[in-house]
C-alpha atoms as a PDB file:
ATOM      1  CA  MET A   1     -17.544  49.048 128.392  1.00  0.00           C
ATOM      2  CA  LEU A   2     -18.280  48.313 124.735  1.00  0.00           C
ATOM      3  CA  THR A   3     -15.139  50.163 123.685  1.00  0.00           C
ATOM      4  CA  SER A   4     -13.065  48.194 126.186  1.00  0.00           C
ATOM      5  CA  SER A   5     -14.538  44.900 124.979  1.00  0.00           C
ATOM      6  CA  ARG A   6     -13.902  45.836 121.354  1.00  0.00           C
ATOM      7  CA  THR A   7     -10.326  46.841 122.164  1.00  0.00           C
ATOM      8  CA  ARG A   8      -9.619  43.534 123.922  1.00  0.00           C
ATOM      9  CA  PHE A   9     -11.065  41.596 121.010  1.00  0.00           C
ATOM     10  CA  TYR A  10      -8.947  43.311 118.367  1.00  0.00           C
ATOM     11  CA  ALA A  11      -5.850  43.267 120.576  1.00  0.00           C
ATOM     12  CA  ALA A  12      -6.142  39.530 121.127  1.00  0.00           C
ATOM     13  CA  ASN A  13      -7.132  38.555 117.606  1.00  0.00           C
ATOM     14  CA  PHE A  14      -5.320  41.077 115.388  1.00  0.00           C
ATOM     15  CA  ALA A  15      -2.542  42.747 117.387  1.00  0.00           C
ATOM     16  CA  ILE A  16      -1.006  39.535 118.734  1.00  0.00           C
ATOM     17  CA  PRO A  17      -0.726  37.867 115.279  1.00  0.00           C
ATOM     18  CA  LEU A  18       0.759  41.055 113.824  1.00  0.00           C
ATOM     19  CA  VAL A  19       3.302  41.239 116.646  1.00  0.00           C
ATOM     20  CA  CYS A  20       4.125  37.576 115.989  1.00  0.00           C
ATOM     21  CA  ALA A  21       4.627  38.426 112.309  1.00  0.00           C
ATOM     22  CA  ALA A  22       7.081  41.183 113.225  1.00  0.00           C
ATOM     23  CA  VAL A  23       8.973  38.856 115.565  1.00  0.00           C
ATOM     24  CA  VAL A  24       9.168  36.079 112.953  1.00  0.00           C
ATOM     25  CA  PHE A  25      10.361  38.544 110.317  1.00  0.00           C
ATOM     26  CA  LEU A  26      13.099  39.968 112.539  1.00  0.00           C
ATOM     27  CA  MET A  27      14.190  36.677 114.098  1.00  0.00           C
ATOM     28  CA  PHE A  28      14.116  34.462 111.025  1.00  0.00           C
ATOM     29  CA  ASP A  29      13.848  36.422 107.776  1.00  0.00           C
ATOM     30  CA  MET A  30      16.467  38.964 108.779  1.00  0.00           C
ATOM     31  CA  THR A  31      18.896  36.386 110.199  1.00  0.00           C
ATOM     32  CA  ARG A  32      20.268  32.961 109.259  1.00  0.00           C
ATOM     33  CA  ILE A  33      18.509  31.045 112.040  1.00  0.00           C
ATOM     34  CA  ASP A  34      16.414  29.111 109.512  1.00  0.00           C
ATOM     35  CA  ILE A  35      19.497  28.006 107.637  1.00  0.00           C
ATOM     36  CA  ALA A  36      21.397  27.165 110.823  1.00  0.00           C
ATOM     37  CA  PHE A  37      18.564  24.902 111.983  1.00  0.00           C
ATOM     38  CA  SER A  38      18.258  23.174 108.607  1.00  0.00           C
ATOM     39  CA  ASN A  39      22.019  22.660 108.572  1.00  0.00           C
ATOM     40  CA  LEU A  40      21.627  20.452 111.638  1.00  0.00           C
ATOM     41  CA  LEU A  41      19.269  18.191 109.691  1.00  0.00           C
ATOM     42  CA  PHE A  42      21.374  18.004 106.527  1.00  0.00           C
ATOM     43  CA  ASP A  43      23.967  15.295 105.848  1.00  0.00           C
ATOM     44  CA  PRO A  44      26.790  16.984 103.908  1.00  0.00           C
ATOM     45  CA  VAL A  45      28.358  13.635 103.012  1.00  0.00           C
ATOM     46  CA  THR A  46      25.359  12.273 101.144  1.00  0.00           C
ATOM     47  CA  GLN A  47      24.066  15.767 100.315  1.00  0.00           C
ATOM     48  CA  THR A  48      20.601  14.799 101.534  1.00  0.00           C
ATOM     49  CA  PHE A  49      18.161  15.281 104.374  1.00  0.00           C
ATOM     50  CA  PRO A  50      18.068  11.698 105.735  1.00  0.00           C
ATOM     51  CA  LEU A  51      14.389  11.799 106.742  1.00  0.00           C
ATOM     52  CA  ASP A  52      13.426  12.768 103.191  1.00  0.00           C
ATOM     53  CA  LYS A  53      14.475   9.265 102.127  1.00  0.00           C
ATOM     54  CA  VAL A  54      12.370   7.439 104.704  1.00  0.00           C
ATOM     55  CA  HIS A  55       9.241   6.423 102.800  1.00  0.00           C
ATOM     56  CA  LEU A  56       7.240   5.444 105.889  1.00  0.00           C
ATOM     57  CA  PHE A  57       7.936   8.822 107.490  1.00  0.00           C
ATOM     58  CA  GLU A  58       6.813  10.534 104.275  1.00  0.00           C
ATOM     59  CA  LYS A  59       3.656   8.449 104.070  1.00  0.00           C
ATOM     60  CA  ILE A  60       2.593   8.962 107.686  1.00  0.00           C
ATOM     61  CA  THR A  61       3.496  12.637 108.100  1.00  0.00           C
ATOM     62  CA  HIS A  62       2.718  13.940 104.622  1.00  0.00           C
ATOM     63  CA  LYS A  63       0.285  11.640 102.818  1.00  0.00           C
ATOM     64  CA  TRP A  64      -1.859  10.248 105.633  1.00  0.00           C
ATOM     65  CA  ALA A  65      -1.794  13.475 107.624  1.00  0.00           C
ATOM     66  CA  ARG A  66      -3.849  15.169 104.913  1.00  0.00           C
ATOM     67  CA  ILE A  67      -6.830  13.042 105.942  1.00  0.00           C
ATOM     68  CA  ILE A  68      -7.748  15.283 108.897  1.00  0.00           C
ATOM     69  CA  PRO A  69      -8.197  18.624 107.061  1.00  0.00           C
ATOM     70  CA  ASN A  70      -9.436  16.919 103.889  1.00  0.00           C
ATOM     71  CA  TRP A  71     -12.190  15.024 105.672  1.00  0.00           C
ATOM     72  CA  THR A  72     -13.137  18.084 107.685  1.00  0.00           C
ATOM     73  CA  ALA A  73     -13.553  20.119 104.502  1.00  0.00           C
ATOM     74  CA  GLU A  74     -15.520  17.334 102.823  1.00  0.00           C
ATOM     75  CA  ILE A  75     -17.870  16.917 105.799  1.00  0.00           C
ATOM     76  CA  ALA A  76     -18.457  20.682 105.862  1.00  0.00           C
ATOM     77  CA  LEU A  77     -19.178  20.716 102.132  1.00  0.00           C
ATOM     78  CA  VAL A  78     -21.614  17.819 102.394  1.00  0.00           C
ATOM     79  CA  GLY A  79     -23.269  19.464 105.391  1.00  0.00           C
ATOM     80  CA  ALA A  80     -23.606  22.742 103.507  1.00  0.00           C
ATOM     81  CA  MET A  81     -25.265  21.000 100.570  1.00  0.00           C
ATOM     82  CA  LEU A  82     -27.597  18.983 102.813  1.00  0.00           C
ATOM     83  CA  SER A  83     -28.620  22.171 104.618  1.00  0.00           C
ATOM     84  CA  PHE A  84     -30.610  23.190 101.545  1.00  0.00           C
ATOM     85  CA  VAL A  85     -32.437  19.846 101.266  1.00  0.00           C
ATOM     86  CA  TRP A  86     -34.670  19.952 104.366  1.00  0.00           C
ATOM     87  CA  PRO A  87     -36.568  23.152 103.448  1.00  0.00           C
ATOM     88  CA  LEU A  88     -37.156  21.837  99.922  1.00  0.00           C
ATOM     89  CA  LEU A  89     -38.744  18.597 101.156  1.00  0.00           C
ATOM     90  CA  LYS A  90     -41.641  20.415 102.877  1.00  0.00           C
ATOM     91  CA  THR A  91     -42.353  17.391 105.048  1.00  0.00           C
ATOM     92  CA  HIS A  92     -45.230  19.140 106.830  1.00  0.00           C
ATOM     93  CA  LYS A  93     -47.155  18.720 103.563  1.00  0.00           C
ATOM     94  CA  ARG A  94     -45.932  15.165 102.937  1.00  0.00           C
ATOM     95  CA  PRO A  95     -46.630  12.984 105.990  1.00  0.00           C
ATOM     96  CA  ARG A  96     -45.515   9.763 104.282  1.00  0.00           C
ATOM     97  CA  LEU A  97     -42.173  11.280 103.352  1.00  0.00           C
ATOM     98  CA  ASP A  98     -41.833  12.654 106.868  1.00  0.00           C
ATOM     99  CA  ASN A  99     -42.514   9.213 108.378  1.00  0.00           C
ATOM    100  CA  PHE A 100     -39.954   7.615 106.058  1.00  0.00           C
ATOM    101  CA  LEU A 101     -37.299  10.170 106.942  1.00  0.00           C
ATOM    102  CA  GLN A 102     -37.991   9.761 110.647  1.00  0.00           C
ATOM    103  CA  ARG A 103     -37.738   5.951 110.454  1.00  0.00           C
ATOM    104  CA  SER A 104     -34.540   6.094 108.406  1.00  0.00           C
ATOM    105  CA  LYS A 105     -32.995   8.579 110.873  1.00  0.00           C
ATOM    106  CA  ALA A 106     -32.390  10.969 107.974  1.00  0.00           C
ATOM    107  CA  ALA A 107     -34.695  13.680 109.321  1.00  0.00           C
ATOM    108  CA  PRO A 108     -32.524  14.629 112.342  1.00  0.00           C
ATOM    109  CA  VAL A 109     -29.448  14.805 110.115  1.00  0.00           C
ATOM    110  CA  LEU A 110     -31.168  17.022 107.565  1.00  0.00           C
ATOM    111  CA  ARG A 111     -32.653  19.250 110.268  1.00  0.00           C
ATOM    112  CA  PHE A 112     -29.254  19.579 111.950  1.00  0.00           C
ATOM    113  CA  ALA A 113     -27.620  20.527 108.654  1.00  0.00           C
ATOM    114  CA  CYS A 114     -30.322  23.106 107.978  1.00  0.00           C
ATOM    115  CA  GLU A 115     -30.056  24.635 111.457  1.00  0.00           C
ATOM    116  CA  HIS A 116     -26.267  24.893 111.136  1.00  0.00           C
ATOM    117  CA  ARG A 117     -26.124  26.009 107.524  1.00  0.00           C
ATOM    118  CA  ARG A 118     -24.125  29.101 108.402  1.00  0.00           C
ATOM    119  CA  ASP A 119     -21.575  27.054 110.342  1.00  0.00           C
ATOM    120  CA  PHE A 120     -21.047  24.583 107.507  1.00  0.00           C
ATOM    121  CA  LEU A 121     -20.787  27.385 104.966  1.00  0.00           C
ATOM    122  CA  PHE A 122     -18.326  29.225 107.187  1.00  0.00           C
ATOM    123  CA  VAL A 123     -16.014  26.222 107.398  1.00  0.00           C
ATOM    124  CA  VAL A 124     -16.206  25.730 103.620  1.00  0.00           C
ATOM    125  CA  PHE A 125     -15.435  29.395 102.939  1.00  0.00           C
ATOM    126  CA  ALA A 126     -12.727  29.557 105.609  1.00  0.00           C
ATOM    127  CA  PHE A 127     -10.918  26.533 104.172  1.00  0.00           C
ATOM    128  CA  ALA A 128     -11.220  27.893 100.638  1.00  0.00           C
ATOM    129  CA  ILE A 129     -10.018  31.387 101.579  1.00  0.00           C
ATOM    130  CA  CYS A 130      -7.085  30.074 103.622  1.00  0.00           C
ATOM    131  CA  THR A 131      -6.041  27.833 100.749  1.00  0.00           C
ATOM    132  CA  GLY A 132      -6.395  30.689  98.283  1.00  0.00           C
ATOM    133  CA  VAL A 133      -4.312  33.062 100.406  1.00  0.00           C
ATOM    134  CA  ILE A 134      -1.507  30.524 100.841  1.00  0.00           C
ATOM    135  CA  HIS A 135      -1.463  29.695  97.126  1.00  0.00           C
ATOM    136  CA  PHE A 136      -1.423  33.396  96.236  1.00  0.00           C
ATOM    137  CA  LEU A 137       1.560  34.025  98.485  1.00  0.00           C
ATOM    138  CA  LYS A 138       3.386  30.989  97.147  1.00  0.00           C
ATOM    139  CA  ALA A 139       2.926  32.077  93.544  1.00  0.00           C
ATOM    140  CA  HIS A 140       3.757  35.734  94.146  1.00  0.00           C
ATOM    141  CA  THR A 141       6.950  35.178  96.137  1.00  0.00           C
ATOM    142  CA  SER A 142       8.373  32.157  94.278  1.00  0.00           C
ATOM    143  CA  VAL A 143      10.478  30.888  97.166  1.00  0.00           C
ATOM    144  CA  TYR A 144      12.176  27.562  96.531  1.00  0.00           C
ATOM    145  CA  CYS A 145      12.377  24.898  99.208  1.00  0.00           C
ATOM    146  CA  PRO A 146      15.719  24.378 101.005  1.00  0.00           C
ATOM    147  CA  ILE A 147      16.274  21.024  99.298  1.00  0.00           C
ATOM    148  CA  GLU A 148      15.934  22.740  95.908  1.00  0.00           C
ATOM    149  CA  THR A 149      18.558  25.409  96.604  1.00  0.00           C
ATOM    150  CA  THR A 150      22.318  25.389  96.161  1.00  0.00           C
ATOM    151  CA  LEU A 151      22.680  25.429  99.959  1.00  0.00           C
ATOM    152  CA  TYR A 152      21.601  21.790 100.058  1.00  0.00           C
ATOM    153  CA  GLY A 153      22.615  20.293  96.745  1.00  0.00           C
ATOM    154  CA  GLY A 154      19.933  21.898  94.582  1.00  0.00           C
ATOM    155  CA  LYS A 155      20.249  24.165  91.562  1.00  0.00           C
ATOM    156  CA  ILE A 156      18.365  27.314  92.655  1.00  0.00           C
ATOM    157  CA  ALA A 157      19.887  30.160  94.642  1.00  0.00           C
ATOM    158  CA  HIS A 158      18.433  30.781  98.100  1.00  0.00           C
ATOM    159  CA  LEU A 159      16.177  33.847  98.182  1.00  0.00           C
ATOM    160  CA  GLU A 160      14.003  35.345 100.907  1.00  0.00           C
ATOM    161  CA  TRP A 161      10.324  35.930 100.138  1.00  0.00           C
ATOM    162  CA  TYR A 162      10.513  39.719 100.433  1.00  0.00           C
ATOM    163  CA  ASN A 163      13.297  39.877  97.828  1.00  0.00           C
ATOM    164  CA  ASN A 164      11.042  38.459  95.131  1.00  0.00           C
ATOM    165  CA  PHE A 165       7.510  39.535  96.063  1.00  0.00           C
ATOM    166  CA  GLN A 166       5.296  40.510  93.111  1.00  0.00           C
ATOM    167  CA  LEU A 167       1.806  41.769  93.919  1.00  0.00           C
ATOM    168  CA  PHE A 168       0.187  41.645  90.478  1.00  0.00           C
ATOM    169  CA  LYS A 169       1.930  38.723  88.797  1.00  0.00           C
ATOM    170  CA  GLU A 170       3.495  35.387  89.583  1.00  0.00           C
ATOM    171  CA  ALA A 171       7.092  35.754  90.660  1.00  0.00           C
ATOM    172  CA  GLY A 172       8.356  32.403  89.337  1.00  0.00           C
ATOM    173  CA  ASP A 173       8.016  28.659  89.738  1.00  0.00           C
ATOM    174  CA  GLY A 174       8.959  28.373  93.434  1.00  0.00           C
ATOM    175  CA  ARG A 175       6.104  27.348  95.716  1.00  0.00           C
ATOM    176  CA  CYS A 176       7.571  26.989  99.206  1.00  0.00           C
ATOM    177  CA  TRP A 177       6.576  30.066 101.235  1.00  0.00           C
ATOM    178  CA  PRO A 178       4.465  29.931 103.389  1.00  0.00           C
ATOM    179  CA  GLY A 179       4.289  26.263 104.386  1.00  0.00           C
ATOM    180  CA  GLY A 180       1.436  24.601 102.532  1.00  0.00           C
ATOM    181  CA  HIS A 181       1.369  21.388 104.566  1.00  0.00           C
ATOM    182  CA  ALA A 182       1.443  23.373 107.807  1.00  0.00           C
ATOM    183  CA  SER A 183      -1.423  25.545 106.576  1.00  0.00           C
ATOM    184  CA  GLY A 184      -3.508  22.386 106.106  1.00  0.00           C
ATOM    185  CA  GLY A 185      -3.281  21.729 109.825  1.00  0.00           C
ATOM    186  CA  PHE A 186      -3.819  25.359 110.745  1.00  0.00           C
ATOM    187  CA  THR A 187      -7.064  25.542 108.739  1.00  0.00           C
ATOM    188  CA  MET A 188      -8.622  23.495 111.540  1.00  0.00           C
ATOM    189  CA  LEU A 189      -8.692  26.842 113.362  1.00  0.00           C
ATOM    190  CA  ALA A 190     -11.968  27.381 111.508  1.00  0.00           C
ATOM    191  CA  LEU A 191     -13.555  24.948 113.978  1.00  0.00           C
ATOM    192  CA  TYR A 192     -12.296  27.088 116.855  1.00  0.00           C
ATOM    193  CA  PHE A 193     -14.211  30.097 115.544  1.00  0.00           C
ATOM    194  CA  VAL A 194     -17.371  28.005 115.210  1.00  0.00           C
ATOM    195  CA  ALA A 195     -16.910  26.865 118.815  1.00  0.00           C
ATOM    196  CA  ARG A 196     -16.244  30.453 119.842  1.00  0.00           C
ATOM    197  CA  ALA A 197     -19.411  31.658 118.142  1.00  0.00           C
ATOM    198  CA  TYR A 198     -21.378  29.120 120.196  1.00  0.00           C
ATOM    199  CA  ARG A 199     -19.454  30.006 123.360  1.00  0.00           C
ATOM    200  CA  TRP A 200     -18.287  26.423 123.856  1.00  0.00           C
ATOM    201  CA  ARG A 201     -16.171  26.331 126.988  1.00  0.00           C
ATOM    202  CA  HIS A 202     -13.600  24.034 125.356  1.00  0.00           C
ATOM    203  CA  ALA A 203     -13.067  26.408 122.427  1.00  0.00           C
ATOM    204  CA  LYS A 204      -9.589  27.391 123.617  1.00  0.00           C
ATOM    205  CA  ALA A 205      -8.535  23.733 123.783  1.00  0.00           C
ATOM    206  CA  LEU A 206      -9.732  23.356 120.204  1.00  0.00           C
ATOM    207  CA  MET A 207      -7.634  26.364 119.207  1.00  0.00           C
ATOM    208  CA  VAL A 208      -4.534  24.918 120.882  1.00  0.00           C
ATOM    209  CA  GLY A 209      -5.146  21.577 119.169  1.00  0.00           C
ATOM    210  CA  ALA A 210      -5.384  23.217 115.733  1.00  0.00           C
ATOM    211  CA  LEU A 211      -2.208  25.218 116.350  1.00  0.00           C
ATOM    212  CA  LEU A 212      -0.349  22.105 117.490  1.00  0.00           C
ATOM    213  CA  LEU A 213      -1.554  20.199 114.434  1.00  0.00           C
ATOM    214  CA  GLY A 214      -0.264  22.927 112.127  1.00  0.00           C
ATOM    215  CA  PHE A 215       3.102  23.048 113.899  1.00  0.00           C
ATOM    216  CA  ILE A 216       3.444  19.264 113.741  1.00  0.00           C
ATOM    217  CA  TYR A 217       2.585  19.236 110.036  1.00  0.00           C
ATOM    218  CA  GLY A 218       5.045  22.031 109.345  1.00  0.00           C
ATOM    219  CA  THR A 219       7.860  20.596 111.461  1.00  0.00           C
ATOM    220  CA  THR A 220       7.777  17.232 109.697  1.00  0.00           C
ATOM    221  CA  ARG A 221       8.404  18.981 106.384  1.00  0.00           C
ATOM    222  CA  VAL A 222      11.251  20.981 107.939  1.00  0.00           C
ATOM    223  CA  LEU A 223      12.853  17.723 109.030  1.00  0.00           C
ATOM    224  CA  GLN A 224      12.663  16.500 105.433  1.00  0.00           C
ATOM    225  CA  GLY A 225      14.267  19.641 104.032  1.00  0.00           C
ATOM    226  CA  TRP A 226      11.174  20.868 102.229  1.00  0.00           C
ATOM    227  CA  HIS A 227      10.634  23.951 104.391  1.00  0.00           C
ATOM    228  CA  TYR A 228      12.381  26.301 106.776  1.00  0.00           C
ATOM    229  CA  MET A 229      10.965  26.616 110.265  1.00  0.00           C
ATOM    230  CA  SER A 230       9.767  30.181 109.667  1.00  0.00           C
ATOM    231  CA  HIS A 231       7.543  28.942 106.838  1.00  0.00           C
ATOM    232  CA  THR A 232       5.407  27.190 109.435  1.00  0.00           C
ATOM    233  CA  PHE A 233       5.068  30.315 111.568  1.00  0.00           C
ATOM    234  CA  TRP A 234       4.092  32.405 108.550  1.00  0.00           C
ATOM    235  CA  ALA A 235       1.490  29.826 107.526  1.00  0.00           C
ATOM    236  CA  GLY A 236      -0.065  29.961 110.990  1.00  0.00           C
ATOM    237  CA  ILE A 237      -0.211  33.764 110.975  1.00  0.00           C
ATOM    238  CA  PHE A 238      -1.854  34.015 107.552  1.00  0.00           C
ATOM    239  CA  VAL A 239      -4.327  31.207 108.234  1.00  0.00           C
ATOM    240  CA  TRP A 240      -5.329  32.756 111.572  1.00  0.00           C
ATOM    241  CA  LEU A 241      -5.982  36.151 109.989  1.00  0.00           C
ATOM    242  CA  SER A 242      -7.884  34.553 107.090  1.00  0.00           C
ATOM    243  CA  CYS A 243     -10.092  32.515 109.421  1.00  0.00           C
ATOM    244  CA  LEU A 244     -10.650  35.510 111.684  1.00  0.00           C
ATOM    245  CA  LEU A 245     -11.766  37.812 108.874  1.00  0.00           C
ATOM    246  CA  THR A 246     -14.044  35.106 107.488  1.00  0.00           C
ATOM    247  CA  ALA A 247     -15.528  34.514 110.963  1.00  0.00           C
ATOM    248  CA  LEU A 248     -16.195  38.241 111.347  1.00  0.00           C
ATOM    249  CA  ALA A 249     -18.056  38.222 108.036  1.00  0.00           C
ATOM    250  CA  PHE A 250     -20.194  35.229 109.031  1.00  0.00           C
ATOM    251  CA  TYR A 251     -20.777  35.775 112.751  1.00  0.00           C
ATOM    252  CA  GLY A 252     -19.902  39.375 113.561  1.00  0.00           C
ATOM    253  CA  ARG A 253     -17.581  40.677 116.241  1.00  0.00           C
ATOM    254  CA  ALA A 254     -20.299  41.039 118.881  1.00  0.00           C
ATOM    255  CA  ARG A 255     -20.944  37.313 118.869  1.00  0.00           C
ATOM    256  CA  LEU A 256     -17.315  36.226 118.705  1.00  0.00           C
ATOM    257  CA  GLU A 257     -16.305  38.351 121.691  1.00  0.00           C
ATOM    258  CA  LEU A 258     -18.940  36.958 124.077  1.00  0.00           C
ATOM    259  CA  PRO A 259     -17.388  35.077 127.023  1.00  0.00           C
ATOM    260  CA  VAL A 260     -17.461  31.308 126.813  1.00  0.00           C
ATOM    261  CA  LEU A 261     -20.043  29.481 128.881  1.00  0.00           C
ATOM    262  CA  LYS A 262     -18.906  28.302 132.286  1.00  0.00           C
ATOM    263  CA  LYS A 263     -19.476  24.748 133.466  1.00  0.00           C
ATOM    264  CA  SER A 264     -22.224  25.925 135.805  1.00  0.00           C
ATOM    265  CA  GLU A 265     -24.002  27.563 132.867  1.00  0.00           C
ATOM    266  CA  ARG A 266     -24.172  24.368 130.842  1.00  0.00           C
ATOM    267  CA  ALA A 267     -27.844  23.845 131.613  1.00  0.00           C
ATOM    268  CA  ASP A 268     -28.680  27.239 130.161  1.00  0.00           C
ATOM    269  CA  ALA A 269     -26.496  26.765 127.091  1.00  0.00           C
ATOM    270  CA  PRO A 270     -29.232  25.510 124.706  1.00  0.00           C
ATOM    271  CA  THR A 271     -31.347  28.595 125.418  1.00  0.00           C
ATOM    272  CA  ASP A 272     -28.392  30.912 124.892  1.00  0.00           C
ATOM    273  CA  LEU A 273     -27.392  29.181 121.690  1.00  0.00           C
ATOM    274  CA  GLN A 274     -30.891  29.150 120.327  1.00  0.00           C
ATOM    275  CA  SER A 275     -31.344  32.834 121.040  1.00  0.00           C
ATOM    276  CA  SER A 276     -28.079  33.621 119.293  1.00  0.00           C
ATOM    277  CA  LYS A 277     -28.561  31.198 116.408  1.00  0.00           C
ATOM    278  CA  PRO A 278     -27.755  33.048 113.180  1.00  0.00           C
ATOM    279  CA  ASP A 279     -29.610  33.368 109.951  1.00  0.00           C
ATOM    280  CA  VAL A 280     -28.429  31.219 107.076  1.00  0.00           C
ATOM    281  CA  ARG A 281     -27.101  34.377 105.397  1.00  0.00           C
ATOM    282  CA  PRO A 282     -23.654  35.760 106.197  1.00  0.00           C
ATOM    283  CA  SER A 283     -23.543  39.288 107.523  1.00  0.00           C
ATOM    284  CA  LEU A 284     -20.567  41.623 107.655  1.00  0.00           C
ATOM    285  CA  SER A 285     -19.437  42.844 111.047  1.00  0.00           C
END
């Protein structure tokens, strides 16, 4: 039973992304599908991607869109810092301070942050690790964006990521593979793993929402000529694996593979969550 459960967990969370990686590599990196799709968006007369010149489109889809992952990361960071404040206050020894915090409604916030320290720290670490992985891959493959290549009026020759990969040093100045903007949306998958650890029955909907957000972010940059479509898929694969490994380190496989709570079990959820509430220290699976 335990072996079967473990097998299902790794098949769903590791095998499927790896199969997706193989499919993306064979369908896109080994063919010219990416280029064919970008050709449809390129105006050969003006030698531009028309949507790249629409400032409102750029502002809404590239500038403003950053608000969602940025605010999520900032809230998690603030929550992680506040989680250390409540134990230091020692309100049980300071009744006046305790009364003040209760009246100002600060006490529930500080207690909540302390109780969910691991969750806040996980989100902070997951965002940081995902960002680090994407930046590493960008620097060590040096892929230039379509709009920068000779295929679309640029000055740099088109090159696939595997033709220029350098493990121990930066490969050049290109910074286009995987999709950075798409990865910003995909990092919201960290919230899915938090929901999964607490067996929230809407965790899958949260996962779908994060995936859709990443695909939307990535697609808008494809339309502007700043990425190929495969860059978005690669970003999603690497972010998923990064979040998964970080979640395993913080929560452990046994907790992540528990079935989500059914609607009829909602009344018992607080007891289940309290009994499975983690320490504030991460533990490797």
